[in-house]
Amino acid sequence: MPYNSAMSHSHSVLLRVLPVLVLLGGCSGLAPSQTTAPQPPASDWQACEGERPMVCTMIYDPVCGRQSNGALDVYASPCNACADVAVTAWHPEPCEE
């Protein structure tokens, strides 16, 4: 098979973009655990304000995210929680079952 520079370039671009797509696609990194368990006091919640993150680090620091419909879900980090447009706020510990 002859060398195809266009194909080589497309593979190079894919290898650079793929990690970003993985981060954006499944931000929680955990199986969904949507629950309606008792919520921590309102003062412990941090609102997701401003522009939503497009890319988050892979540092695992699990938090509880509260979605606009009231459901709670565990996310890998505060950044991952706020990257989900359904999340309105996060709490610095995983959701209790």
N, C-alpha and C. Protein backbone atom coordinates (compact mmCIF):
# COMPACT_ATOMS: atom_id res chain seq x y z
N MET A 1 0.85 -1.18 0.00
CA MET A 1 0.00 0.00 0.00
C MET A 1 0.89 1.24 0.00
N PRO A 2 0.72 2.14 -0.94
CA PRO A 2 1.57 3.33 -1.01
C PRO A 2 1.28 4.27 0.17
N TYR A 3 2.28 5.04 0.53
CA TYR A 3 2.16 6.02 1.62
C TYR A 3 1.21 7.13 1.19
N ASN A 4 0.26 7.43 2.02
CA ASN A 4 -0.72 8.46 1.72
C ASN A 4 -0.60 9.53 2.80
N SER A 5 -0.06 10.70 2.45
CA SER A 5 0.16 11.75 3.45
C SER A 5 -1.15 12.29 4.01
N ALA A 6 -2.21 12.31 3.21
CA ALA A 6 -3.51 12.78 3.71
C ALA A 6 -4.04 11.84 4.78
N MET A 7 -3.88 10.54 4.56
CA MET A 7 -4.33 9.57 5.54
C MET A 7 -3.50 9.69 6.81
N SER A 8 -2.20 9.84 6.65
CA SER A 8 -1.32 9.99 7.81
C SER A 8 -1.70 11.22 8.62
N HIS A 9 -2.01 12.32 7.95
CA HIS A 9 -2.40 13.55 8.63
C HIS A 9 -3.71 13.35 9.38
N SER A 10 -4.68 12.68 8.76
CA SER A 10 -5.96 12.47 9.43
C SER A 10 -5.80 11.60 10.67
N HIS A 11 -4.92 10.59 10.61
CA HIS A 11 -4.66 9.77 11.80
C HIS A 11 -4.00 10.60 12.89
N SER A 12 -3.10 11.48 12.50
CA SER A 12 -2.41 12.34 13.47
C SER A 12 -3.41 13.26 14.16
N VAL A 13 -4.33 13.85 13.41
CA VAL A 13 -5.35 14.73 13.98
C VAL A 13 -6.26 13.94 14.90
N LEU A 14 -6.67 12.76 14.48
CA LEU A 14 -7.55 11.93 15.30
C LEU A 14 -6.89 11.58 16.63
N LEU A 15 -5.62 11.26 16.62
CA LEU A 15 -4.93 10.90 17.86
C LEU A 15 -4.81 12.09 18.80
N ARG A 16 -4.79 13.31 18.27
CA ARG A 16 -4.74 14.50 19.13
C ARG A 16 -6.13 14.89 19.63
N VAL A 17 -7.18 14.64 18.86
CA VAL A 17 -8.53 15.04 19.22
C VAL A 17 -9.23 13.99 20.06
N LEU A 18 -8.91 12.72 19.89
CA LEU A 18 -9.60 11.64 20.57
C LEU A 18 -9.62 11.79 22.09
N PRO A 19 -8.49 12.11 22.76
CA PRO A 19 -8.56 12.27 24.21
C PRO A 19 -9.53 13.36 24.65
N VAL A 20 -9.63 14.44 23.88
CA VAL A 20 -10.56 15.52 24.21
C VAL A 20 -12.00 15.03 24.05
N LEU A 21 -12.26 14.27 23.00
CA LEU A 21 -13.60 13.74 22.78
C LEU A 21 -14.00 12.78 23.90
N VAL A 22 -13.06 11.97 24.36
CA VAL A 22 -13.34 11.06 25.46
C VAL A 22 -13.71 11.85 26.71
N LEU A 23 -12.97 12.91 27.00
CA LEU A 23 -13.26 13.73 28.17
C LEU A 23 -14.63 14.39 28.07
N LEU A 24 -14.99 14.84 26.89
CA LEU A 24 -16.27 15.52 26.73
C LEU A 24 -17.44 14.55 26.68
N GLY A 25 -17.19 13.35 26.20
CA GLY A 25 -18.28 12.40 26.03
C GLY A 25 -18.79 11.80 27.32
N GLY A 26 -17.95 11.26 28.12
CA GLY A 26 -18.38 10.61 29.35
C GLY A 26 -17.73 11.24 30.54
N CYS A 27 -18.07 12.42 30.83
CA CYS A 27 -17.37 13.19 31.85
C CYS A 27 -17.40 12.58 33.23
N SER A 28 -18.42 11.86 33.59
CA SER A 28 -18.47 11.39 34.96
C SER A 28 -17.44 10.30 35.21
N GLY A 29 -17.14 9.49 34.22
CA GLY A 29 -16.18 8.42 34.41
C GLY A 29 -16.70 7.32 35.33
N LEU A 30 -17.92 7.43 35.79
CA LEU A 30 -18.51 6.46 36.68
C LEU A 30 -19.87 6.05 36.15
N ALA A 31 -20.33 4.89 36.57
CA ALA A 31 -21.68 4.48 36.20
C ALA A 31 -22.68 5.44 36.83
N PRO A 32 -23.71 5.81 36.10
CA PRO A 32 -24.69 6.73 36.68
C PRO A 32 -25.29 6.15 37.95
N SER A 33 -25.44 6.99 38.94
CA SER A 33 -26.01 6.54 40.20
C SER A 33 -27.11 7.50 40.62
N GLN A 34 -27.85 7.99 39.65
CA GLN A 34 -28.84 9.01 39.93
C GLN A 34 -29.73 8.56 41.08
N THR A 35 -29.80 9.42 42.06
CA THR A 35 -30.55 9.10 43.26
C THR A 35 -31.21 10.35 43.79
N THR A 36 -32.16 10.18 44.62
CA THR A 36 -32.81 11.32 45.26
C THR A 36 -32.54 11.27 46.76
N ALA A 37 -31.36 10.82 47.14
CA ALA A 37 -30.96 10.74 48.54
C ALA A 37 -31.01 12.12 49.17
N PRO A 38 -31.06 12.19 50.49
CA PRO A 38 -31.06 13.49 51.16
C PRO A 38 -29.88 14.33 50.70
N GLN A 39 -30.13 15.59 50.44
CA GLN A 39 -29.10 16.48 49.96
C GLN A 39 -28.39 17.16 51.12
N PRO A 40 -27.09 17.41 50.98
CA PRO A 40 -26.37 18.17 52.00
C PRO A 40 -26.97 19.57 52.14
N PRO A 41 -26.67 20.25 53.23
CA PRO A 41 -27.20 21.62 53.41
C PRO A 41 -26.89 22.50 52.20
N ALA A 42 -27.80 23.41 51.92
CA ALA A 42 -27.67 24.28 50.74
C ALA A 42 -26.36 25.05 50.74
N SER A 43 -25.83 25.38 51.91
CA SER A 43 -24.59 26.16 51.96
C SER A 43 -23.38 25.37 51.47
N ASP A 44 -23.48 24.02 51.42
CA ASP A 44 -22.36 23.19 50.97
C ASP A 44 -22.31 23.03 49.46
N TRP A 45 -23.32 23.46 48.75
CA TRP A 45 -23.38 23.33 47.30
C TRP A 45 -22.68 24.50 46.63
N GLN A 46 -21.92 24.20 45.58
CA GLN A 46 -21.25 25.21 44.77
C GLN A 46 -21.99 25.29 43.42
N ALA A 47 -22.46 26.46 43.06
CA ALA A 47 -23.19 26.62 41.80
C ALA A 47 -22.25 26.53 40.61
N CYS A 48 -22.76 25.96 39.52
CA CYS A 48 -22.03 25.95 38.25
C CYS A 48 -22.40 27.24 37.54
N GLU A 49 -21.54 28.22 37.64
CA GLU A 49 -21.81 29.54 37.07
C GLU A 49 -20.83 29.83 35.95
N GLY A 50 -21.20 30.74 35.09
CA GLY A 50 -20.32 31.16 34.01
C GLY A 50 -20.28 30.14 32.89
N GLU A 51 -19.25 30.24 32.09
CA GLU A 51 -19.10 29.36 30.93
C GLU A 51 -18.78 27.94 31.39
N ARG A 52 -19.41 26.96 30.77
CA ARG A 52 -19.19 25.55 31.10
C ARG A 52 -17.83 25.11 30.59
N PRO A 53 -17.10 24.28 31.36
CA PRO A 53 -15.80 23.80 30.89
C PRO A 53 -15.95 22.90 29.67
N MET A 54 -15.00 23.01 28.76
CA MET A 54 -15.00 22.17 27.56
C MET A 54 -14.08 20.97 27.74
N VAL A 55 -13.05 21.12 28.57
CA VAL A 55 -12.09 20.05 28.81
C VAL A 55 -11.74 20.06 30.29
N CYS A 56 -11.67 18.87 30.88
CA CYS A 56 -11.33 18.75 32.30
C CYS A 56 -10.10 17.86 32.44
N THR A 57 -9.36 18.06 33.52
CA THR A 57 -8.21 17.19 33.78
C THR A 57 -8.71 15.80 34.18
N MET A 58 -7.83 14.85 34.22
CA MET A 58 -8.20 13.49 34.58
C MET A 58 -8.00 13.24 36.08
N ILE A 59 -7.86 14.28 36.87
CA ILE A 59 -7.69 14.13 38.31
C ILE A 59 -9.03 13.67 38.90
N TYR A 60 -8.98 12.54 39.63
CA TYR A 60 -10.19 11.97 40.20
C TYR A 60 -10.43 12.56 41.58
N ASP A 61 -11.49 13.33 41.73
CA ASP A 61 -11.87 13.97 42.98
C ASP A 61 -13.40 13.97 43.00
N PRO A 62 -14.03 12.80 43.28
CA PRO A 62 -15.47 12.65 43.08
C PRO A 62 -16.32 13.64 43.87
N VAL A 63 -17.37 14.11 43.19
CA VAL A 63 -18.31 15.06 43.77
C VAL A 63 -19.73 14.61 43.44
N CYS A 64 -20.69 15.18 44.16
CA CYS A 64 -22.10 14.94 43.89
C CYS A 64 -22.62 16.11 43.07
N GLY A 65 -23.20 15.83 41.93
CA GLY A 65 -23.78 16.87 41.09
C GLY A 65 -25.30 16.86 41.17
N ARG A 66 -25.90 18.04 41.32
CA ARG A 66 -27.36 18.16 41.36
C ARG A 66 -27.83 18.67 40.00
N GLN A 67 -28.66 17.88 39.35
CA GLN A 67 -29.17 18.25 38.04
C GLN A 67 -30.40 19.13 38.16
N SER A 68 -30.74 19.80 37.08
CA SER A 68 -31.86 20.74 37.10
C SER A 68 -33.19 20.05 37.44
N ASN A 69 -33.29 18.75 37.21
CA ASN A 69 -34.53 18.03 37.53
C ASN A 69 -34.52 17.51 38.97
N GLY A 70 -33.47 17.83 39.75
CA GLY A 70 -33.38 17.42 41.15
C GLY A 70 -32.62 16.13 41.38
N ALA A 71 -32.32 15.38 40.32
CA ALA A 71 -31.59 14.13 40.46
C ALA A 71 -30.15 14.40 40.87
N LEU A 72 -29.56 13.48 41.62
CA LEU A 72 -28.17 13.57 42.03
C LEU A 72 -27.38 12.52 41.29
N ASP A 73 -26.13 12.83 40.95
CA ASP A 73 -25.27 11.90 40.24
C ASP A 73 -23.84 12.15 40.66
N VAL A 74 -23.02 11.09 40.68
CA VAL A 74 -21.61 11.21 41.03
C VAL A 74 -20.81 11.56 39.78
N TYR A 75 -19.92 12.55 39.90
CA TYR A 75 -19.04 12.96 38.82
C TYR A 75 -17.60 12.85 39.28
N ALA A 76 -16.68 12.67 38.35
CA ALA A 76 -15.27 12.46 38.67
C ALA A 76 -14.60 13.68 39.30
N SER A 77 -15.12 14.87 39.06
CA SER A 77 -14.53 16.09 39.62
C SER A 77 -15.54 17.23 39.49
N PRO A 78 -15.30 18.34 40.19
CA PRO A 78 -16.19 19.50 40.01
C PRO A 78 -16.25 19.96 38.55
N CYS A 79 -15.12 19.91 37.87
CA CYS A 79 -15.08 20.32 36.46
C CYS A 79 -16.00 19.43 35.63
N ASN A 80 -15.92 18.11 35.85
CA ASN A 80 -16.76 17.18 35.10
C ASN A 80 -18.23 17.40 35.41
N ALA A 81 -18.55 17.72 36.64
CA ALA A 81 -19.94 17.98 37.01
C ALA A 81 -20.45 19.20 36.26
N CYS A 82 -19.72 20.29 36.29
CA CYS A 82 -20.18 21.53 35.63
C CYS A 82 -20.10 21.46 34.11
N ALA A 83 -19.35 20.51 33.57
CA ALA A 83 -19.32 20.33 32.12
C ALA A 83 -20.63 19.75 31.62
N ASP A 84 -21.38 19.08 32.49
CA ASP A 84 -22.70 18.54 32.15
C ASP A 84 -23.70 19.69 32.25
N VAL A 85 -24.32 20.07 31.14
CA VAL A 85 -25.21 21.22 31.13
C VAL A 85 -26.46 21.01 31.99
N ALA A 86 -26.76 19.77 32.36
CA ALA A 86 -27.92 19.50 33.21
C ALA A 86 -27.62 19.78 34.69
N VAL A 87 -26.34 19.91 35.04
CA VAL A 87 -25.95 20.10 36.44
C VAL A 87 -26.03 21.58 36.80
N THR A 88 -26.68 21.87 37.91
CA THR A 88 -26.79 23.25 38.38
C THR A 88 -25.82 23.55 39.50
N ALA A 89 -25.41 22.52 40.27
CA ALA A 89 -24.51 22.72 41.40
C ALA A 89 -23.83 21.39 41.75
N TRP A 90 -22.75 21.48 42.52
CA TRP A 90 -22.04 20.27 42.96
C TRP A 90 -21.68 20.40 44.43
N HIS A 91 -21.51 19.24 45.05
CA HIS A 91 -21.13 19.16 46.47
C HIS A 91 -19.81 18.39 46.55
N PRO A 92 -18.88 18.78 47.42
CA PRO A 92 -17.53 18.21 47.41
C PRO A 92 -17.38 16.78 47.91
N GLU A 93 -18.40 15.99 47.95
CA GLU A 93 -18.30 14.58 48.29
C GLU A 93 -19.25 13.80 47.39
N PRO A 94 -18.98 12.50 47.16
CA PRO A 94 -19.91 11.71 46.33
C PRO A 94 -21.30 11.69 46.96
N CYS A 95 -22.30 11.50 46.12
CA CYS A 95 -23.69 11.44 46.60
C CYS A 95 -23.85 10.21 47.49
N GLU A 96 -24.65 10.35 48.53
CA GLU A 96 -24.96 9.23 49.40
C GLU A 96 -26.11 8.45 48.81
N GLU A 97 -26.02 7.16 48.89
CA GLU A 97 -27.09 6.29 48.37
C GLU A 97 -28.25 6.29 49.32
